[in-house]
Amino acid sequence: MASAAGSSNVMLAINEKKTITTDLYRPLRLYIASTYSEREAAAADDDLSVVCDLRAAVEKPSLPDPSSLEQRRDALLAYARALALVEPRFPISPDRAHVHSLTFTWHDAFKGNKKCALASIHLEKASVLFNLGAVYSQIALAADRSTDVGIRIACGAFQSAAGAFAWLRESGAAAKAVAAGTTTVDITPECAGMLEKLMLAQAQECFFEKVIGGGKPPALCSKVARQIESALPSISRPIMSLDGNEDAIVGALKQSLRQLESLGAQRAGLEDMLKEMKRKDDILPKLMVGVGSHDDLFKKEIAKYDPICADIADNIVAQEQLLLQIQAQNEQFAAVFNLEDYKAARERCYKQIAAAVVKYQEFKKNINEGLNFYVTLQEAIGKIKQQCSDFIMTRNIQCREMMEDVQRKLPGFRFSSSSRSSMQRNAASVPPDESSPSPPPPHAQAPYASPPGVDSRHGYSQPEARPAYSQPYPPSYGATPQQPTYGAQHPGQYQPPPGHDCGQPAYPGWRGPYPYYNAPQPQQSVPCPQAPYNATGAYPPHQSNYYRPQ
């Protein structure tokens, strides 16, 4: 850490992590070409070159002047944005199916002799975020805190540094980097949290210096420093609550453990000494030279091992006494530190974690089932929409064909735009029948002349008037009028050909809303319902028996 003595207090800045040159272009382009195509790899050359240039700018060391620090900050921000785009597109890991030939190497910011090399983009992101916070702290340290502008710059830079370290801790970049492999201490979540609090404290100190230097009244200065009061009780309280006997018990137990280790080393030395004496002890030449009894020789040779046997016996006695002492001290340690409660709390935590894992698995299973349901529902909705579109298109085609057939069979008849909607609803009653030729008109007709005071019907063309009536004048008074036979064709009325079906299904198996669509047709000749157009009546205008003068 770097430090600077300002007008009041000393501020701290963080040194950047150093890295080595890394080639990003070749591994990423090879992955694109192998996963997608060479054409896609060629199209991504410019983007890969930009990423390589950003990485090269980050690899350069920064200078201490403020302008260089600002350029360094901008370069780190640009490279962090580029990594955010690279991460979801290029899986970088030791897996053979991923970008496995790319390794990032970063040195520790506090201990330069330690470094970490991993094939993980999480290490790269965590290191870049750490350097970003370090550069912000250096910008704050380089600011002149003797002026209002400088102290404002320093306060904002310290806050930005705290935000960078907070994002390193909260975004999971540090945790993912640690999970990917062995990393340095500076990018762990604990270190990031510590640096975040340090930068926030220095930002608060800059604000306090501004208040003090501005000649504010003591009441306002006390309000600014009141936040420190809330932290004083936690600072004065020890991390663990210790009583008077804890240090003595722990010290005695540690001393006993050290004595046990020394006894173990002594036992190992005695064992090596005994093996060495056994290797060098050869009494065969003495037995060959001697002519008397060998008992004295054996006793003399065995007596050489008496000192080492005594040492081994003393070591065994000391070990037994030390083990009894350690057992007693362990009982005292367990009673003082309440290990039973600790074990019970640990078991409760284990059970809570196990229950949480079970709940998590249940939630995950339910989420997967819900996701499958909505995916299936979306597919079904898509199929229904497609079927509806096909049905509408089929009906529109049938409607146009019916209209064209009706216009072809009835010369002089045209559909107007205003009645198009009503004609489309009623045109299904006159389907096309190309097998039967349309009957010729009975005779040529002249256009009608509209009578005075009678408007033409909207949406239809006017029927043609005829000069001579097709029937004689009404019979005289008292004569029996000639009624036309039921079912007989009228000369002015369109009659469909025999065997004509009044409806046509939209597709096979469709049943329409009218009962006569699929009903069997009678053998006798029954006229179909009257067409929706204005057919010529049996009587000329003003002489029909339905005419009532107004």
Protein backbone atom coordinates (compact mmCIF):
# COMPACT_ATOMS: atom_id res chain seq x y z
CA MET A 1 0.00 0.00 0.00
CA ALA A 2 1.13 3.52 -0.76
CA SER A 3 0.55 6.38 1.67
CA ALA A 4 0.64 10.14 1.63
CA ALA A 5 0.64 12.69 4.43
CA GLY A 6 -1.98 15.29 3.77
CA SER A 7 -2.95 18.33 5.77
CA SER A 8 -4.43 16.25 8.57
CA ASN A 9 -4.11 12.49 8.31
CA VAL A 10 -2.38 9.81 6.32
CA MET A 11 -4.37 8.14 3.53
CA LEU A 12 -3.66 4.73 1.99
CA ALA A 13 -3.76 3.62 -1.64
CA ILE A 14 -3.66 0.11 -3.04
CA ASN A 15 -1.02 -1.07 -5.51
CA GLU A 16 -2.18 -2.72 -8.72
CA LYS A 17 -1.84 -6.37 -9.55
CA LYS A 18 0.70 -7.10 -12.27
CA THR A 19 0.20 -9.51 -15.13
CA ILE A 20 2.11 -10.95 -18.06
CA THR A 21 1.41 -10.73 -21.78
CA THR A 22 -1.40 -13.05 -22.88
CA ASP A 23 -2.51 -13.79 -26.45
CA LEU A 24 -6.30 -13.69 -26.68
CA TYR A 25 -6.63 -13.65 -30.45
CA ARG A 26 -5.45 -17.13 -31.38
CA PRO A 27 -7.41 -19.23 -28.79
CA LEU A 28 -10.66 -17.29 -29.26
CA ARG A 29 -10.48 -17.40 -33.05
CA LEU A 30 -9.69 -21.10 -33.01
CA TYR A 31 -12.74 -21.71 -30.80
CA ILE A 32 -14.99 -19.73 -33.16
CA ALA A 33 -13.72 -21.58 -36.21
CA SER A 34 -14.09 -25.03 -34.58
CA THR A 35 -17.49 -24.33 -32.99
CA TYR A 36 -19.16 -22.29 -35.74
CA SER A 37 -17.37 -21.81 -39.06
CA GLU A 38 -14.36 -20.17 -40.63
CA ARG A 39 -16.62 -17.51 -42.07
CA GLU A 40 -17.82 -16.52 -38.59
CA ALA A 41 -14.22 -16.49 -37.37
CA ALA A 42 -13.22 -14.16 -40.19
CA ALA A 43 -16.15 -11.88 -39.40
CA ALA A 44 -15.05 -11.66 -35.75
CA ASP A 45 -11.45 -10.66 -36.51
CA ASP A 46 -12.05 -6.97 -35.90
CA ASP A 47 -13.76 -7.54 -32.56
CA LEU A 48 -11.03 -9.89 -31.40
CA SER A 49 -8.40 -7.33 -32.37
CA VAL A 50 -10.17 -4.70 -30.27
CA VAL A 51 -10.21 -7.03 -27.26
CA CYS A 52 -6.51 -7.77 -27.72
CA ASP A 53 -5.73 -4.05 -27.86
CA LEU A 54 -7.66 -3.46 -24.63
CA ARG A 55 -5.77 -6.29 -22.94
CA ALA A 56 -2.46 -4.86 -24.14
CA ALA A 57 -3.39 -1.46 -22.65
CA VAL A 58 -4.11 -3.13 -19.31
CA GLU A 59 -0.76 -4.96 -19.35
CA LYS A 60 1.20 -1.69 -19.50
CA PRO A 61 2.29 -0.26 -16.10
CA SER A 62 0.68 2.98 -15.00
CA LEU A 63 2.47 6.24 -14.24
CA PRO A 64 1.94 8.21 -11.01
CA ASP A 65 0.74 11.45 -12.62
CA PRO A 66 -3.03 12.17 -12.46
CA SER A 67 -3.59 12.26 -16.25
CA SER A 68 -1.98 8.85 -16.65
CA LEU A 69 -4.09 7.47 -13.80
CA GLU A 70 -7.28 8.70 -15.49
CA GLN A 71 -6.25 7.04 -18.76
CA ARG A 72 -5.49 3.87 -16.81
CA ARG A 73 -8.95 4.02 -15.25
CA ASP A 74 -10.63 4.41 -18.64
CA ALA A 75 -8.63 1.48 -20.05
CA LEU A 76 -9.65 -0.77 -17.15
CA LEU A 77 -13.31 0.22 -17.51
CA ALA A 78 -13.25 -0.51 -21.25
CA TYR A 79 -11.59 -3.89 -20.74
CA ALA A 80 -14.07 -4.79 -17.95
CA ARG A 81 -16.97 -4.07 -20.33
CA ALA A 82 -15.29 -6.21 -22.99
CA LEU A 83 -14.89 -9.10 -20.51
CA ALA A 84 -18.58 -8.83 -19.65
CA LEU A 85 -19.34 -9.46 -23.34
CA VAL A 86 -16.71 -12.18 -23.75
CA GLU A 87 -17.78 -14.26 -20.73
CA PRO A 88 -21.19 -15.49 -22.00
CA ARG A 89 -19.87 -16.17 -25.51
CA PHE A 90 -16.57 -17.96 -24.84
CA PRO A 91 -16.42 -20.60 -22.09
CA ILE A 92 -12.85 -20.45 -20.81
CA SER A 93 -11.93 -23.48 -18.70
CA PRO A 94 -9.58 -26.51 -18.81
CA ASP A 95 -12.35 -28.52 -20.50
CA ARG A 96 -11.34 -29.70 -23.98
CA ALA A 97 -14.67 -28.52 -25.44
CA HIS A 98 -14.01 -24.97 -24.17
CA VAL A 99 -11.25 -22.42 -24.72
CA HIS A 100 -8.72 -24.51 -22.80
CA SER A 101 -5.47 -23.13 -24.24
CA LEU A 102 -5.95 -19.64 -22.74
CA THR A 103 -4.35 -19.06 -19.31
CA PHE A 104 -4.39 -15.81 -17.32
CA THR A 105 -1.50 -15.06 -14.93
CA TRP A 106 -1.68 -12.40 -12.20
CA HIS A 107 0.70 -11.56 -9.34
CA ASP A 108 -0.34 -10.78 -5.78
CA ALA A 109 -0.74 -7.05 -5.12
CA PHE A 110 0.71 -7.30 -1.58
CA LYS A 111 3.31 -10.06 -2.12
CA GLY A 112 4.79 -9.74 -5.58
CA ASN A 113 6.62 -13.06 -5.41
CA LYS A 114 3.33 -14.97 -5.39
CA LYS A 115 1.28 -15.41 -8.53
CA CYS A 116 -1.70 -17.35 -9.81
CA ALA A 117 -2.24 -18.84 -13.30
CA LEU A 118 -5.67 -20.24 -14.17
CA ALA A 119 -7.65 -20.97 -17.33
CA SER A 120 -10.62 -19.05 -15.99
CA ILE A 121 -12.13 -15.74 -17.04
CA HIS A 122 -13.30 -15.21 -13.45
CA LEU A 123 -9.69 -14.66 -12.38
CA GLU A 124 -9.32 -12.08 -15.15
CA LYS A 125 -12.51 -10.24 -14.14
CA ALA A 126 -11.62 -10.26 -10.45
CA SER A 127 -8.11 -8.95 -11.14
CA VAL A 128 -9.40 -6.17 -13.40
CA LEU A 129 -11.95 -5.08 -10.77
CA PHE A 130 -9.22 -5.10 -8.11
CA ASN A 131 -6.97 -2.93 -10.30
CA LEU A 132 -9.86 -0.58 -10.97
CA GLY A 133 -10.36 -0.03 -7.23
CA ALA A 134 -6.59 0.37 -6.79
CA VAL A 135 -6.43 3.04 -9.53
CA TYR A 136 -9.32 4.95 -7.95
CA SER A 137 -7.48 4.90 -4.59
CA GLN A 138 -4.32 6.20 -6.30
CA ILE A 139 -6.31 9.01 -7.94
CA ALA A 140 -7.64 9.96 -4.51
CA LEU A 141 -4.15 9.85 -3.02
CA ALA A 142 -2.74 12.05 -5.79
CA ALA A 143 -5.40 14.74 -5.26
CA ASP A 144 -4.44 17.87 -3.36
CA ARG A 145 -6.61 17.75 -0.24
CA SER A 146 -5.57 21.23 0.85
CA THR A 147 -8.10 22.74 -1.59
CA ASP A 148 -11.85 22.28 -1.82
CA VAL A 149 -11.64 20.88 -5.35
CA GLY A 150 -8.92 18.41 -4.42
CA ILE A 151 -10.70 17.17 -1.32
CA ARG A 152 -13.88 16.72 -3.36
CA ILE A 153 -11.94 14.69 -5.96
CA ALA A 154 -10.33 12.59 -3.25
CA CYS A 155 -13.65 11.88 -1.53
CA GLY A 156 -15.32 10.85 -4.80
CA ALA A 157 -12.36 8.67 -5.83
CA PHE A 158 -12.33 6.86 -2.48
CA GLN A 159 -16.06 6.22 -2.82
CA SER A 160 -15.53 4.87 -6.34
CA ALA A 161 -12.75 2.61 -5.06
CA ALA A 162 -15.08 1.30 -2.36
CA GLY A 163 -17.71 0.64 -5.02
CA ALA A 164 -15.23 -1.34 -7.14
CA PHE A 165 -14.21 -3.52 -4.20
CA ALA A 166 -17.85 -3.95 -3.18
CA TRP A 167 -18.72 -5.08 -6.69
CA LEU A 168 -15.78 -7.48 -6.61
CA ARG A 169 -17.21 -9.01 -3.44
CA GLU A 170 -20.96 -8.89 -4.20
CA SER A 171 -20.96 -9.84 -7.89
CA GLY A 172 -19.40 -13.20 -7.13
CA ALA A 173 -16.31 -12.59 -9.26
CA ALA A 174 -14.01 -13.13 -6.27
CA ALA A 175 -15.88 -16.23 -5.09
CA LYS A 176 -15.91 -17.71 -8.60
CA ALA A 177 -12.19 -17.03 -9.00
CA VAL A 178 -11.50 -18.80 -5.70
CA ALA A 179 -13.73 -21.70 -6.71
CA ALA A 180 -11.91 -22.05 -10.05
CA GLY A 181 -8.63 -22.87 -8.34
CA THR A 182 -5.94 -21.68 -5.95
CA THR A 183 -5.78 -17.88 -6.11
CA THR A 184 -3.91 -15.14 -4.28
CA VAL A 185 -5.23 -13.60 -1.08
CA ASP A 186 -5.84 -10.13 -2.50
CA ILE A 187 -8.90 -11.13 -4.60
CA THR A 188 -10.66 -13.19 -1.96
CA PRO A 189 -14.09 -11.97 -0.75
CA GLU A 190 -12.70 -11.29 2.74
CA CYS A 191 -9.91 -9.07 1.44
CA ALA A 192 -12.33 -7.26 -0.89
CA GLY A 193 -14.66 -6.54 2.06
CA MET A 194 -11.77 -5.21 4.14
CA LEU A 195 -10.61 -2.88 1.35
CA GLU A 196 -14.17 -1.67 0.79
CA LYS A 197 -14.48 -0.59 4.44
CA LEU A 198 -11.04 1.03 4.32
CA MET A 199 -11.93 3.12 1.27
CA LEU A 200 -15.27 4.17 2.80
CA ALA A 201 -13.54 5.20 6.02
CA GLN A 202 -11.04 7.33 4.07
CA ALA A 203 -13.87 8.95 2.11
CA GLN A 204 -15.59 9.81 5.40
CA GLU A 205 -12.31 11.18 6.69
CA CYS A 206 -12.01 13.43 3.62
CA PHE A 207 -15.50 14.77 4.26
CA PHE A 208 -14.63 15.38 7.91
CA GLU A 209 -11.50 17.27 6.88
CA LYS A 210 -13.61 19.44 4.57
CA VAL A 211 -15.98 20.30 7.41
CA ILE A 212 -13.12 21.06 9.82
CA GLY A 213 -11.19 23.12 7.26
CA GLY A 214 -14.25 25.11 6.30
CA GLY A 215 -14.56 26.56 9.79
CA LYS A 216 -17.91 24.95 10.54
CA PRO A 217 -19.29 25.24 14.06
CA PRO A 218 -18.49 22.46 16.56
CA ALA A 219 -22.12 21.26 16.59
CA LEU A 220 -21.97 20.48 12.87
CA CYS A 221 -18.56 18.83 13.21
CA SER A 222 -19.88 16.62 16.00
CA LYS A 223 -22.78 15.53 13.80
CA VAL A 224 -20.37 14.50 11.06
CA ALA A 225 -18.23 12.55 13.54
CA ARG A 226 -21.24 10.94 15.21
CA GLN A 227 -21.05 7.91 12.93
CA ILE A 228 -17.75 6.98 14.56
CA GLU A 229 -19.51 6.77 17.91
CA SER A 230 -21.66 3.87 16.72
CA ALA A 231 -18.53 1.89 15.82
CA LEU A 232 -16.65 2.51 19.07
CA PRO A 233 -18.44 -0.17 21.16
CA SER A 234 -17.74 -2.86 18.61
CA ILE A 235 -14.12 -1.78 18.32
CA SER A 236 -13.56 -1.79 22.08
CA ARG A 237 -15.19 -5.18 22.52
CA PRO A 238 -12.79 -8.14 22.05
CA ILE A 239 -13.43 -10.63 19.34
CA MET A 240 -13.93 -13.47 21.87
CA SER A 241 -15.14 -13.23 25.44
CA LEU A 242 -12.25 -14.59 27.55
CA ASP A 243 -12.09 -15.14 31.28
CA GLY A 244 -9.00 -15.22 33.47
CA ASN A 245 -8.35 -18.96 33.29
CA GLU A 246 -8.63 -19.36 29.53
CA ASP A 247 -5.13 -18.12 28.73
CA ALA A 248 -3.53 -20.37 31.34
CA ILE A 249 -5.45 -23.45 30.22
CA VAL A 250 -4.75 -22.85 26.54
CA GLY A 251 -1.07 -22.12 27.26
CA ALA A 252 -0.63 -25.27 29.33
CA LEU A 253 -2.33 -27.36 26.69
CA LYS A 254 -0.11 -25.93 23.96
CA GLN A 255 2.98 -26.57 26.11
CA SER A 256 1.94 -30.19 26.64
CA LEU A 257 1.40 -30.65 22.92
CA ARG A 258 4.88 -29.27 22.23
CA GLN A 259 6.38 -31.68 24.80
CA LEU A 260 4.52 -34.53 23.12
CA GLU A 261 6.05 -33.56 19.79
CA SER A 262 9.55 -33.46 21.34
CA LEU A 263 9.05 -36.90 22.90
CA GLY A 264 8.00 -38.24 19.52
CA ALA A 265 11.15 -36.82 17.94
CA GLN A 266 13.26 -38.33 20.75
CA ARG A 267 11.64 -41.72 20.23
CA ALA A 268 12.39 -41.56 16.51
CA GLY A 269 16.04 -40.72 17.27
CA LEU A 270 16.37 -43.64 19.65
CA GLU A 271 14.90 -45.94 17.04
CA ASP A 272 17.42 -44.79 14.44
CA MET A 273 20.27 -45.21 16.94
CA LEU A 274 19.17 -48.73 17.77
CA LYS A 275 19.03 -49.68 14.09
CA GLU A 276 22.52 -48.24 13.52
CA MET A 277 23.98 -50.18 16.48
CA LYS A 278 22.35 -53.35 15.28
CA ARG A 279 23.82 -52.87 11.81
CA LYS A 280 27.36 -52.37 13.14
CA ASP A 281 27.21 -55.12 15.80
CA ASP A 282 28.91 -58.21 14.34
CA ILE A 283 30.21 -60.77 16.92
CA LEU A 284 30.90 -63.54 14.45
CA PRO A 285 34.68 -62.91 14.33
CA LYS A 286 34.82 -62.96 18.13
CA LEU A 287 32.96 -66.25 18.22
CA MET A 288 35.40 -67.77 15.70
CA VAL A 289 38.45 -66.69 17.71
CA GLY A 290 37.17 -67.58 21.17
CA VAL A 291 37.71 -71.12 22.47
CA GLY A 292 35.97 -71.00 25.82
CA SER A 293 32.34 -70.48 26.85
CA HIS A 294 30.42 -67.91 24.87
CA ASP A 295 28.07 -66.85 27.71
CA ASP A 296 30.41 -64.19 28.97
CA LEU A 297 30.83 -62.87 25.44
CA PHE A 298 27.08 -62.69 24.91
CA LYS A 299 26.52 -60.88 28.20
CA LYS A 300 29.25 -58.38 27.37
CA GLU A 301 27.84 -57.65 23.90
CA ILE A 302 24.27 -57.32 25.14
CA ALA A 303 25.35 -54.91 27.87
CA LYS A 304 26.17 -52.37 25.15
CA TYR A 305 22.41 -51.90 24.57
CA ASP A 306 21.57 -51.12 28.22
CA PRO A 307 21.89 -47.28 27.91
CA ILE A 308 19.63 -47.06 24.88
CA CYS A 309 17.11 -49.39 26.50
CA ALA A 310 17.05 -47.12 29.56
CA ASP A 311 16.45 -44.09 27.34
CA ILE A 312 13.58 -45.87 25.57
CA ALA A 313 12.02 -46.82 28.91
CA ASP A 314 12.28 -43.20 30.18
CA ASN A 315 10.68 -41.99 26.95
CA ILE A 316 7.77 -44.38 27.34
CA VAL A 317 7.18 -43.29 30.97
CA ALA A 318 7.30 -39.62 29.98
CA GLN A 319 4.81 -40.23 27.17
CA GLU A 320 2.38 -41.95 29.51
CA GLN A 321 2.57 -39.15 32.06
CA LEU A 322 2.20 -36.52 29.34
CA LEU A 323 -0.83 -38.24 27.86
CA LEU A 324 -2.52 -38.24 31.28
CA GLN A 325 -1.66 -34.56 31.68
CA ILE A 326 -3.04 -33.71 28.22
CA GLN A 327 -6.23 -35.62 28.97
CA ALA A 328 -6.79 -33.61 32.14
CA GLN A 329 -6.03 -30.32 30.39
CA ASN A 330 -8.38 -31.23 27.56
CA GLU A 331 -11.21 -31.78 30.04
CA GLN A 332 -10.55 -28.35 31.52
CA PHE A 333 -10.42 -26.80 28.03
CA ALA A 334 -13.74 -28.44 27.06
CA ALA A 335 -15.37 -27.22 30.28
CA VAL A 336 -14.16 -23.64 29.83
CA PHE A 337 -14.93 -23.27 26.13
CA ASN A 338 -18.22 -25.20 26.34
CA LEU A 339 -17.52 -27.60 23.51
CA GLU A 340 -20.78 -29.47 24.06
CA ASP A 341 -22.80 -26.39 23.19
CA TYR A 342 -20.55 -25.83 20.21
CA LYS A 343 -21.17 -29.37 19.03
CA ALA A 344 -24.93 -28.93 19.50
CA ALA A 345 -24.86 -25.66 17.56
CA ARG A 346 -22.83 -27.31 14.84
CA GLU A 347 -25.34 -30.16 14.56
CA ARG A 348 -28.18 -27.64 14.34
CA CYS A 349 -26.38 -25.81 11.57
CA TYR A 350 -25.81 -29.07 9.72
CA LYS A 351 -29.51 -29.91 9.97
CA GLN A 352 -30.52 -26.43 8.79
CA ILE A 353 -28.15 -26.69 5.85
CA ALA A 354 -29.51 -30.15 4.97
CA ALA A 355 -33.11 -28.84 5.15
CA ALA A 356 -32.15 -25.86 2.98
CA VAL A 357 -30.58 -28.18 0.41
CA VAL A 358 -33.75 -30.29 0.34
CA LYS A 359 -35.89 -27.17 -0.13
CA TYR A 360 -33.57 -25.94 -2.86
CA GLN A 361 -33.84 -29.23 -4.72
CA GLU A 362 -37.63 -29.13 -4.36
CA PHE A 363 -37.79 -25.57 -5.67
CA LYS A 364 -35.52 -26.47 -8.54
CA LYS A 365 -37.70 -29.46 -9.44
CA ASN A 366 -40.87 -27.34 -9.32
CA ILE A 367 -39.27 -24.64 -11.44
CA ASN A 368 -38.20 -27.19 -14.04
CA GLU A 369 -41.72 -28.67 -14.14
CA GLY A 370 -43.24 -25.20 -14.51
CA LEU A 371 -40.78 -24.35 -17.25
CA ASN A 372 -41.63 -27.53 -19.13
CA PHE A 373 -45.36 -26.78 -18.77
CA TYR A 374 -45.05 -23.27 -20.16
CA VAL A 375 -42.82 -24.45 -23.00
CA THR A 376 -45.42 -27.08 -23.92
CA LEU A 377 -48.20 -24.49 -23.60
CA GLN A 378 -46.34 -22.10 -25.87
CA GLU A 379 -45.93 -24.82 -28.49
CA ALA A 380 -49.65 -25.70 -28.29
CA ILE A 381 -50.61 -22.03 -28.65
CA GLY A 382 -48.36 -21.74 -31.67
CA LYS A 383 -50.01 -24.77 -33.30
CA ILE A 384 -53.50 -23.39 -32.60
CA LYS A 385 -52.53 -20.03 -34.08
CA GLN A 386 -51.22 -21.76 -37.18
CA GLN A 387 -54.42 -23.79 -37.54
CA CYS A 388 -56.55 -20.66 -37.14
CA SER A 389 -54.48 -18.87 -39.76
CA ASP A 390 -54.88 -21.80 -42.16
CA PHE A 391 -58.64 -21.91 -41.54
CA ILE A 392 -59.03 -18.16 -42.15
CA MET A 393 -56.98 -18.34 -45.33
CA THR A 394 -59.05 -21.29 -46.58
CA ARG A 395 -62.33 -19.52 -45.89
CA ASN A 396 -61.11 -16.34 -47.60
CA ILE A 397 -60.10 -18.32 -50.68
CA GLN A 398 -63.50 -20.08 -50.76
CA CYS A 399 -65.28 -16.75 -50.34
CA ARG A 400 -63.41 -15.18 -53.25
CA GLU A 401 -64.07 -18.23 -55.42
CA MET A 402 -67.79 -18.13 -54.58
CA MET A 403 -68.02 -14.44 -55.39
CA GLU A 404 -66.24 -14.90 -58.69
CA ASP A 405 -68.47 -17.85 -59.59
CA VAL A 406 -71.63 -15.91 -58.75
CA GLN A 407 -70.47 -12.95 -60.81
CA ARG A 408 -69.62 -15.26 -63.69
CA LYS A 409 -73.02 -16.98 -63.61
CA LEU A 410 -75.02 -13.77 -63.29
CA PRO A 411 -74.10 -11.28 -66.02
CA GLY A 412 -74.57 -7.66 -65.11
CA PHE A 413 -74.34 -8.38 -61.34
CA ARG A 414 -71.49 -6.77 -59.40
CA PHE A 415 -70.59 -6.60 -55.70
CA SER A 416 -70.17 -3.15 -54.26
CA SER A 417 -67.66 -2.25 -51.58
CA SER A 418 -70.29 -1.31 -48.98
CA SER A 419 -72.02 -4.71 -49.05
CA ARG A 420 -68.85 -6.76 -49.25
CA SER A 421 -69.07 -7.83 -45.60
CA SER A 422 -72.72 -9.00 -45.88
CA MET A 423 -71.99 -10.77 -49.15
CA GLN A 424 -69.06 -12.61 -47.58
CA ARG A 425 -71.36 -13.87 -44.83
CA ASN A 426 -74.05 -15.07 -47.26
CA ALA A 427 -71.89 -16.21 -50.17
CA ALA A 428 -71.43 -19.62 -48.56
CA SER A 429 -75.04 -20.47 -49.55
CA VAL A 430 -74.11 -20.39 -53.28
CA PRO A 431 -70.99 -22.54 -53.73
CA PRO A 432 -69.30 -22.89 -57.08
CA ASP A 433 -70.40 -25.78 -59.31
CA GLU A 434 -68.25 -26.01 -62.38
CA SER A 435 -69.69 -29.35 -63.48
CA SER A 436 -73.09 -27.84 -64.38
CA PRO A 437 -73.19 -25.01 -66.90
CA SER A 438 -75.03 -21.91 -65.82
CA PRO A 439 -78.50 -21.58 -67.42
CA PRO A 440 -78.82 -18.83 -69.97
CA PRO A 441 -81.05 -15.87 -69.14
CA PRO A 442 -84.65 -16.28 -70.37
CA HIS A 443 -84.60 -13.12 -72.41
CA ALA A 444 -82.78 -9.87 -72.71
CA GLN A 445 -83.91 -7.22 -70.29
CA ALA A 446 -83.61 -3.49 -70.42
CA PRO A 447 -82.56 -1.59 -67.31
CA TYR A 448 -85.24 -0.61 -64.87
CA ALA A 449 -86.14 2.96 -64.21
CA SER A 450 -86.52 3.77 -60.53
CA PRO A 451 -90.02 4.98 -59.71
CA PRO A 452 -90.38 8.44 -58.24
CA GLY A 453 -89.82 8.59 -54.52
CA VAL A 454 -88.25 5.13 -54.33
CA ASP A 455 -84.53 4.92 -53.61
CA SER A 456 -82.38 2.17 -54.98
CA ARG A 457 -81.14 -0.45 -52.52
CA HIS A 458 -77.71 0.35 -51.19
CA GLY A 459 -74.94 -2.05 -52.11
CA TYR A 460 -76.52 -3.70 -55.19
CA SER A 461 -76.65 -2.81 -58.82
CA GLN A 462 -80.06 -1.97 -60.24
CA PRO A 463 -81.84 -4.72 -62.15
CA GLU A 464 -82.41 -4.15 -65.82
CA ALA A 465 -85.90 -2.88 -66.84
CA ARG A 466 -87.77 -4.64 -69.58
CA PRO A 467 -89.99 -2.89 -72.07
CA ALA A 468 -92.70 -5.52 -72.10
CA TYR A 469 -93.84 -7.50 -69.12
CA SER A 470 -93.23 -11.17 -69.19
CA GLN A 471 -96.76 -11.81 -67.99
CA PRO A 472 -100.12 -10.22 -69.00
CA TYR A 473 -101.81 -7.68 -66.87
CA PRO A 474 -103.67 -8.83 -63.77
CA PRO A 475 -106.98 -10.57 -64.50
CA SER A 476 -110.22 -8.73 -64.33
CA TYR A 477 -112.31 -8.46 -61.20
CA GLY A 478 -113.84 -11.77 -60.21
CA ALA A 479 -111.51 -13.91 -62.29
CA THR A 480 -109.41 -16.51 -60.54
CA PRO A 481 -105.80 -15.49 -60.65
CA GLN A 482 -103.32 -17.99 -62.00
CA GLN A 483 -101.02 -18.95 -59.19
CA PRO A 484 -97.68 -20.44 -60.17
CA THR A 485 -97.11 -24.01 -59.24
CA TYR A 486 -95.09 -24.48 -56.03
CA GLY A 487 -91.51 -25.29 -56.89
CA ALA A 488 -91.73 -24.07 -60.48
CA GLN A 489 -88.96 -21.93 -61.82
CA HIS A 490 -89.59 -18.28 -62.19
CA PRO A 491 -88.07 -16.73 -65.28
CA GLY A 492 -86.47 -13.92 -63.30
CA GLN A 493 -85.19 -16.05 -60.39
CA TYR A 494 -81.88 -17.87 -60.32
CA GLN A 495 -82.33 -21.61 -59.93
CA PRO A 496 -79.34 -23.75 -58.90
CA PRO A 497 -78.65 -26.84 -60.99
CA PRO A 498 -79.79 -30.27 -59.78
CA GLY A 499 -77.62 -31.96 -57.17
CA HIS A 500 -76.24 -28.60 -56.09
CA ASP A 501 -75.07 -28.46 -52.46
CA CYS A 502 -75.97 -25.29 -50.64
CA GLY A 503 -72.91 -25.45 -48.40
CA GLN A 504 -69.28 -26.46 -48.71
CA PRO A 505 -67.24 -27.49 -45.68
CA ALA A 506 -64.03 -25.59 -44.98
CA TYR A 507 -62.08 -28.82 -44.56
CA PRO A 508 -62.90 -32.55 -44.30
CA GLY A 509 -64.80 -33.40 -41.16
CA TRP A 510 -66.01 -29.86 -40.47
CA ARG A 511 -69.59 -29.47 -39.32
CA GLY A 512 -71.15 -26.09 -39.90
CA PRO A 513 -73.59 -24.25 -37.64
CA TYR A 514 -76.57 -24.90 -39.96
CA PRO A 515 -78.42 -28.19 -39.79
CA TYR A 516 -78.83 -28.59 -43.53
CA TYR A 517 -75.08 -28.58 -44.29
CA ASN A 518 -74.63 -32.26 -43.64
CA ALA A 519 -78.28 -33.36 -43.85
CA PRO A 520 -79.23 -35.78 -46.65
CA GLN A 521 -80.79 -34.09 -49.68
CA PRO A 522 -84.37 -35.09 -50.61
CA GLN A 523 -85.06 -36.62 -53.99
CA GLN A 524 -87.74 -34.14 -55.02
CA SER A 525 -86.75 -30.84 -56.49
CA VAL A 526 -86.80 -28.27 -53.69
CA PRO A 527 -85.42 -24.81 -54.37
CA CYS A 528 -82.54 -23.60 -52.22
CA PRO A 529 -82.91 -20.53 -50.02
CA GLN A 530 -83.20 -17.33 -51.92
CA ALA A 531 -79.95 -15.67 -52.89
CA PRO A 532 -78.92 -12.50 -51.02
CA TYR A 533 -79.07 -10.40 -54.19
CA ASN A 534 -82.12 -8.59 -55.58
CA ALA A 535 -83.74 -10.97 -58.07
CA THR A 536 -86.38 -9.78 -60.53
CA GLY A 537 -89.90 -10.29 -59.16
CA ALA A 538 -92.89 -11.76 -60.97
CA TYR A 539 -94.62 -8.38 -61.25
CA PRO A 540 -93.27 -5.14 -62.66
CA PRO A 541 -92.84 -2.15 -60.35
CA HIS A 542 -96.05 -0.64 -58.89
CA GLN A 543 -98.06 -3.74 -59.93
CA SER A 544 -96.97 -6.36 -57.47
CA ASN A 545 -99.64 -7.55 -55.12
CA TYR A 546 -97.30 -6.50 -52.24
CA TYR A 547 -97.17 -2.92 -53.38
CA ARG A 548 -98.96 -0.46 -51.14
CA PRO A 549 -99.07 3.15 -52.29
CA GLN A 550 -98.15 5.64 -49.57
